[in-house]
Structures are given as structure tokens and as C-alpha cells.
Amino acid sequence: MRVYMQCMDMSENKFDDAPSVALASYSSTPSCGLTTLVLTHCDIADNEIPGFAKPLCANKAYHILDLIRNLIGAKEVLTIVQPDLTTEGSVVTSKNHDEPETELELFAP
């Protein structure tokens, strides 16, 4: 009998390129049994999201992704003067809502 880790809380850790690549790699494997990933206070900025968010959203095992209290959306104010600008943070949150078959519950600012 295999036992899979279901919940990982990496809160209050620096989360930059290397952890993003590792998480994306692990999340895309069939052996990934995570259902909950908590990344609060990890200094995750908009430009760091695409590296790991796509595999997370594609993995149907995930049910909760907590990105609260990060730097996501820091560039959102630019959309006031540049209405055509789409930030990575808004892409992830809108993608989650545009795909009704996605059961991922996203917590983000």
C-alpha cells in the first residue's frame, strides 16, 4: 500500500525559480497525491506564477491552493492606465473560474 502526502504547507518560505520548477515537476507526475498546497507569505510575485500554476491547475488531485499574503497582483494597478495589460495573477484566477470542470479552490488576493 502506497501512502501519498496529501497536504503540503510551505508557508513563510522564499519561493522563487528553483522551488517553482521543482513543484511544477512534481505536480505533473502521476505519483503526486497532493490535494492541498499552502503557500502563504512566500513572496510569490506575478512573474513567478506561470512556472508552477499550469501544472497545478492541470492536476485534478488538487482541491485547495492557498496563495494568500503574497505579492500576486502587485501590478494590477497598471491595468488602470493600461487596460489591455493582463497580469499573470489575473490569468490564473480567471482561468480557474473559466474552467468549470476544475475543482481547484483558489485562495489569492
N, C-alpha and C. Protein backbone atom coordinates (compact mmCIF):
# COMPACT_ATOMS: atom_id res chain seq x y z
N MET A 1 0.83 -1.17 0.00
CA MET A 1 0.00 0.00 0.00
C MET A 1 0.89 1.25 0.00
N ARG A 2 0.64 2.11 -0.95
CA ARG A 2 1.40 3.36 -1.03
C ARG A 2 0.67 4.45 -0.27
N VAL A 3 1.43 5.25 0.43
CA VAL A 3 0.87 6.38 1.16
C VAL A 3 1.40 7.65 0.51
N TYR A 4 0.49 8.53 0.13
CA TYR A 4 0.88 9.77 -0.51
C TYR A 4 0.66 10.94 0.43
N MET A 5 1.56 11.89 0.37
CA MET A 5 1.37 13.12 1.12
C MET A 5 0.22 13.87 0.47
N GLN A 6 -0.77 14.27 1.26
CA GLN A 6 -1.94 14.94 0.71
C GLN A 6 -1.92 16.44 0.91
N CYS A 7 -1.25 16.91 1.93
CA CYS A 7 -1.23 18.34 2.23
C CYS A 7 0.21 18.80 2.44
N MET A 8 0.56 19.90 1.78
CA MET A 8 1.90 20.46 1.96
C MET A 8 1.74 21.95 2.27
N ASP A 9 2.32 22.36 3.37
CA ASP A 9 2.29 23.76 3.78
C ASP A 9 3.72 24.29 3.75
N MET A 10 4.00 25.13 2.76
CA MET A 10 5.34 25.70 2.60
C MET A 10 5.34 27.19 2.95
N SER A 11 4.39 27.59 3.76
CA SER A 11 4.23 29.00 4.14
C SER A 11 5.50 29.56 4.76
N GLU A 12 5.68 30.86 4.52
CA GLU A 12 6.79 31.64 5.07
C GLU A 12 8.16 31.13 4.63
N ASN A 13 8.22 30.59 3.43
CA ASN A 13 9.48 30.20 2.81
C ASN A 13 9.64 30.99 1.53
N LYS A 14 10.85 31.34 1.17
CA LYS A 14 11.11 32.04 -0.09
C LYS A 14 10.82 31.10 -1.24
N PHE A 15 9.97 31.52 -2.13
CA PHE A 15 9.53 30.66 -3.23
C PHE A 15 9.87 31.36 -4.54
N ASP A 16 11.02 31.03 -5.12
CA ASP A 16 11.43 31.68 -6.36
C ASP A 16 11.55 30.64 -7.47
N ASP A 17 12.46 30.82 -8.40
CA ASP A 17 12.55 29.97 -9.59
C ASP A 17 12.78 28.49 -9.29
N ALA A 18 13.77 28.16 -8.48
CA ALA A 18 14.10 26.75 -8.23
C ALA A 18 12.95 25.98 -7.58
N PRO A 19 12.33 26.49 -6.52
CA PRO A 19 11.19 25.77 -5.96
C PRO A 19 10.01 25.69 -6.93
N SER A 20 9.82 26.73 -7.74
CA SER A 20 8.74 26.71 -8.73
C SER A 20 8.91 25.57 -9.72
N VAL A 21 10.14 25.39 -10.21
CA VAL A 21 10.43 24.32 -11.16
C VAL A 21 10.24 22.96 -10.51
N ALA A 22 10.73 22.81 -9.29
CA ALA A 22 10.59 21.53 -8.58
C ALA A 22 9.12 21.20 -8.32
N LEU A 23 8.35 22.19 -7.90
CA LEU A 23 6.93 21.96 -7.64
C LEU A 23 6.17 21.62 -8.92
N ALA A 24 6.48 22.33 -10.00
CA ALA A 24 5.83 22.04 -11.29
C ALA A 24 6.16 20.63 -11.75
N SER A 25 7.41 20.23 -11.58
CA SER A 25 7.84 18.89 -11.99
C SER A 25 7.11 17.82 -11.18
N TYR A 26 7.08 18.00 -9.87
CA TYR A 26 6.41 17.02 -9.01
C TYR A 26 4.90 16.99 -9.25
N SER A 27 4.29 18.15 -9.43
CA SER A 27 2.84 18.24 -9.61
C SER A 27 2.37 17.57 -10.88
N SER A 28 3.23 17.48 -11.86
CA SER A 28 2.82 16.89 -13.14
C SER A 28 3.05 15.38 -13.19
N THR A 29 3.56 14.79 -12.11
CA THR A 29 3.77 13.34 -12.09
C THR A 29 2.52 12.63 -11.60
N PRO A 30 2.27 11.41 -12.09
CA PRO A 30 1.11 10.65 -11.64
C PRO A 30 1.18 10.29 -10.15
N SER A 31 2.37 10.26 -9.59
CA SER A 31 2.51 9.89 -8.18
C SER A 31 2.21 11.04 -7.22
N CYS A 32 1.95 12.23 -7.75
CA CYS A 32 1.63 13.37 -6.90
C CYS A 32 0.23 13.19 -6.32
N GLY A 33 0.16 13.03 -5.02
CA GLY A 33 -1.12 12.83 -4.36
C GLY A 33 -1.59 14.04 -3.57
N LEU A 34 -0.93 15.18 -3.78
CA LEU A 34 -1.31 16.38 -3.03
C LEU A 34 -2.72 16.82 -3.38
N THR A 35 -3.49 17.16 -2.36
CA THR A 35 -4.81 17.74 -2.58
C THR A 35 -4.86 19.18 -2.09
N THR A 36 -3.93 19.53 -1.21
CA THR A 36 -3.89 20.88 -0.64
C THR A 36 -2.46 21.39 -0.65
N LEU A 37 -2.29 22.61 -1.16
CA LEU A 37 -0.98 23.25 -1.18
C LEU A 37 -1.14 24.65 -0.61
N VAL A 38 -0.41 24.93 0.46
CA VAL A 38 -0.49 26.23 1.13
C VAL A 38 0.85 26.94 0.94
N LEU A 39 0.79 28.11 0.32
CA LEU A 39 1.99 28.91 0.04
C LEU A 39 1.77 30.35 0.50
N THR A 40 1.34 30.55 1.74
CA THR A 40 1.13 31.91 2.23
C THR A 40 2.45 32.52 2.68
N HIS A 41 2.56 33.84 2.51
CA HIS A 41 3.77 34.59 2.90
C HIS A 41 5.03 34.01 2.26
N CYS A 42 4.99 33.71 0.98
CA CYS A 42 6.16 33.14 0.29
C CYS A 42 6.80 34.11 -0.70
N ASP A 43 6.37 35.36 -0.68
CA ASP A 43 6.89 36.37 -1.60
C ASP A 43 6.72 35.97 -3.06
N ILE A 44 5.64 35.28 -3.38
CA ILE A 44 5.38 34.88 -4.76
C ILE A 44 4.82 36.08 -5.51
N ALA A 45 5.48 36.46 -6.60
CA ALA A 45 5.06 37.59 -7.42
C ALA A 45 4.39 37.08 -8.70
N ASP A 46 3.75 37.99 -9.40
CA ASP A 46 3.04 37.63 -10.63
C ASP A 46 3.91 36.85 -11.61
N ASN A 47 5.16 37.29 -11.78
CA ASN A 47 6.03 36.66 -12.78
C ASN A 47 6.47 35.26 -12.38
N GLU A 48 6.26 34.86 -11.12
CA GLU A 48 6.67 33.52 -10.68
C GLU A 48 5.53 32.51 -10.77
N ILE A 49 4.32 32.98 -11.00
CA ILE A 49 3.16 32.09 -11.03
C ILE A 49 3.15 31.13 -12.22
N PRO A 50 3.38 31.59 -13.46
CA PRO A 50 3.22 30.68 -14.60
C PRO A 50 4.06 29.42 -14.52
N GLY A 51 5.21 29.47 -13.89
CA GLY A 51 6.07 28.30 -13.81
C GLY A 51 5.46 27.11 -13.10
N PHE A 52 4.62 27.35 -12.11
CA PHE A 52 4.05 26.23 -11.37
C PHE A 52 2.52 26.16 -11.42
N ALA A 53 1.87 27.24 -11.79
CA ALA A 53 0.40 27.25 -11.74
C ALA A 53 -0.24 26.35 -12.79
N LYS A 54 0.33 26.31 -13.97
CA LYS A 54 -0.28 25.49 -15.03
C LYS A 54 -0.32 24.01 -14.65
N PRO A 55 0.80 23.41 -14.20
CA PRO A 55 0.72 22.01 -13.76
C PRO A 55 -0.22 21.80 -12.58
N LEU A 56 -0.29 22.78 -11.68
CA LEU A 56 -1.19 22.65 -10.54
C LEU A 56 -2.65 22.62 -10.99
N CYS A 57 -2.99 23.51 -11.90
CA CYS A 57 -4.37 23.56 -12.39
C CYS A 57 -4.72 22.33 -13.22
N ALA A 58 -3.73 21.75 -13.88
CA ALA A 58 -3.97 20.57 -14.71
C ALA A 58 -4.11 19.30 -13.88
N ASN A 59 -3.51 19.29 -12.70
CA ASN A 59 -3.56 18.12 -11.83
C ASN A 59 -4.90 18.11 -11.09
N LYS A 60 -5.76 17.18 -11.44
CA LYS A 60 -7.12 17.13 -10.88
C LYS A 60 -7.15 16.69 -9.42
N ALA A 61 -6.02 16.24 -8.87
CA ALA A 61 -5.98 15.83 -7.47
C ALA A 61 -6.07 17.03 -6.53
N TYR A 62 -5.56 18.18 -6.98
CA TYR A 62 -5.57 19.37 -6.14
C TYR A 62 -6.99 19.87 -5.93
N HIS A 63 -7.27 20.24 -4.69
CA HIS A 63 -8.56 20.83 -4.39
C HIS A 63 -8.40 22.22 -3.79
N ILE A 64 -7.28 22.46 -3.10
CA ILE A 64 -7.07 23.76 -2.46
C ILE A 64 -5.66 24.26 -2.77
N LEU A 65 -5.58 25.49 -3.26
CA LEU A 65 -4.32 26.18 -3.48
C LEU A 65 -4.42 27.53 -2.77
N ASP A 66 -3.64 27.71 -1.73
CA ASP A 66 -3.70 28.92 -0.91
C ASP A 66 -2.48 29.79 -1.22
N LEU A 67 -2.72 30.94 -1.86
CA LEU A 67 -1.66 31.88 -2.21
C LEU A 67 -1.84 33.22 -1.51
N ILE A 68 -2.55 33.23 -0.39
CA ILE A 68 -2.84 34.47 0.32
C ILE A 68 -1.56 35.08 0.89
N ARG A 69 -1.54 36.40 0.95
CA ARG A 69 -0.44 37.20 1.51
C ARG A 69 0.87 37.01 0.76
N ASN A 70 0.77 37.11 -0.56
CA ASN A 70 1.94 37.10 -1.42
C ASN A 70 1.96 38.40 -2.21
N LEU A 71 2.81 38.50 -3.19
CA LEU A 71 2.93 39.71 -3.99
C LEU A 71 2.11 39.63 -5.27
N ILE A 72 1.22 38.66 -5.34
CA ILE A 72 0.39 38.48 -6.53
C ILE A 72 -0.55 39.67 -6.66
N GLY A 73 -0.62 40.20 -7.86
CA GLY A 73 -1.50 41.33 -8.11
C GLY A 73 -0.87 42.68 -7.84
N ALA A 74 0.40 42.70 -7.49
CA ALA A 74 1.06 43.97 -7.21
C ALA A 74 1.06 44.88 -8.43
N LYS A 75 1.00 44.30 -9.62
CA LYS A 75 0.99 45.08 -10.86
C LYS A 75 -0.42 45.39 -11.34
N GLU A 76 -1.44 44.98 -10.59
CA GLU A 76 -2.82 45.18 -11.02
C GLU A 76 -3.17 46.65 -11.20
N VAL A 77 -2.54 47.55 -10.44
CA VAL A 77 -2.85 48.98 -10.58
C VAL A 77 -2.48 49.49 -11.98
N LEU A 78 -1.54 48.83 -12.65
CA LEU A 78 -1.18 49.23 -14.00
C LEU A 78 -2.33 49.04 -14.98
N THR A 79 -3.27 48.16 -14.66
CA THR A 79 -4.40 47.93 -15.57
C THR A 79 -5.31 49.15 -15.66
N ILE A 80 -5.19 50.06 -14.71
CA ILE A 80 -5.99 51.29 -14.76
C ILE A 80 -5.53 52.17 -15.92
N VAL A 81 -4.22 52.31 -16.08
CA VAL A 81 -3.68 53.15 -17.16
C VAL A 81 -3.36 52.35 -18.41
N GLN A 82 -3.27 51.03 -18.28
CA GLN A 82 -3.03 50.14 -19.42
C GLN A 82 -4.11 49.06 -19.42
N PRO A 83 -5.33 49.39 -19.89
CA PRO A 83 -6.45 48.45 -19.78
C PRO A 83 -6.24 47.12 -20.49
N ASP A 84 -5.37 47.07 -21.48
CA ASP A 84 -5.13 45.81 -22.20
C ASP A 84 -4.11 44.91 -21.51
N LEU A 85 -3.50 45.40 -20.45
CA LEU A 85 -2.49 44.64 -19.73
C LEU A 85 -3.14 43.49 -18.97
N THR A 86 -2.60 42.30 -19.13
CA THR A 86 -3.07 41.13 -18.38
C THR A 86 -1.91 40.63 -17.55
N THR A 87 -2.07 40.65 -16.25
CA THR A 87 -1.02 40.17 -15.37
C THR A 87 -1.18 38.67 -15.16
N GLU A 88 -0.09 38.02 -14.76
CA GLU A 88 -0.13 36.58 -14.55
C GLU A 88 -1.10 36.19 -13.45
N GLY A 89 -1.21 37.02 -12.42
CA GLY A 89 -2.14 36.74 -11.33
C GLY A 89 -3.58 36.71 -11.80
N SER A 90 -3.94 37.64 -12.67
CA SER A 90 -5.31 37.65 -13.16
C SER A 90 -5.57 36.50 -14.11
N VAL A 91 -4.54 36.05 -14.83
CA VAL A 91 -4.70 34.90 -15.72
C VAL A 91 -5.02 33.65 -14.92
N VAL A 92 -4.31 33.43 -13.82
CA VAL A 92 -4.54 32.23 -13.01
C VAL A 92 -5.92 32.25 -12.39
N THR A 93 -6.32 33.38 -11.82
CA THR A 93 -7.63 33.43 -11.17
C THR A 93 -8.76 33.35 -12.18
N SER A 94 -8.60 33.98 -13.36
CA SER A 94 -9.67 33.89 -14.36
C SER A 94 -9.70 32.51 -14.98
N LYS A 95 -8.55 31.86 -15.16
CA LYS A 95 -8.51 30.51 -15.72
C LYS A 95 -9.25 29.55 -14.80
N ASN A 96 -9.08 29.73 -13.50
CA ASN A 96 -9.76 28.86 -12.54
C ASN A 96 -11.28 29.00 -12.67
N HIS A 97 -11.77 30.22 -12.90
CA HIS A 97 -13.21 30.43 -13.00
C HIS A 97 -13.75 30.08 -14.38
N ASP A 98 -12.91 30.13 -15.40
CA ASP A 98 -13.36 29.84 -16.76
C ASP A 98 -13.48 28.35 -17.04
N GLU A 99 -12.90 27.52 -16.21
CA GLU A 99 -12.93 26.08 -16.43
C GLU A 99 -13.80 25.43 -15.37
N PRO A 100 -15.08 25.23 -15.66
CA PRO A 100 -15.98 24.69 -14.65
C PRO A 100 -15.62 23.28 -14.19
N GLU A 101 -14.90 22.52 -15.01
CA GLU A 101 -14.52 21.17 -14.60
C GLU A 101 -13.39 21.17 -13.58
N THR A 102 -12.74 22.33 -13.39
CA THR A 102 -11.68 22.44 -12.41
C THR A 102 -12.29 22.54 -11.02
N GLU A 103 -11.91 21.64 -10.15
CA GLU A 103 -12.44 21.64 -8.79
C GLU A 103 -11.49 22.34 -7.83
N LEU A 104 -10.46 22.99 -8.37
CA LEU A 104 -9.46 23.66 -7.54
C LEU A 104 -10.05 24.90 -6.90
N GLU A 105 -9.96 24.98 -5.59
CA GLU A 105 -10.40 26.16 -4.86
C GLU A 105 -9.18 27.02 -4.62
N LEU A 106 -9.19 28.20 -5.22
CA LEU A 106 -8.03 29.08 -5.21
C LEU A 106 -8.23 30.20 -4.21
N PHE A 107 -7.29 30.35 -3.29
CA PHE A 107 -7.31 31.46 -2.35
C PHE A 107 -6.15 32.36 -2.72
N ALA A 108 -6.47 33.54 -3.22
CA ALA A 108 -5.45 34.51 -3.62
C ALA A 108 -6.02 35.90 -3.39
N PRO A 109 -5.14 36.90 -3.30
CA PRO A 109 -5.62 38.27 -3.07
C PRO A 109 -6.49 38.77 -4.20
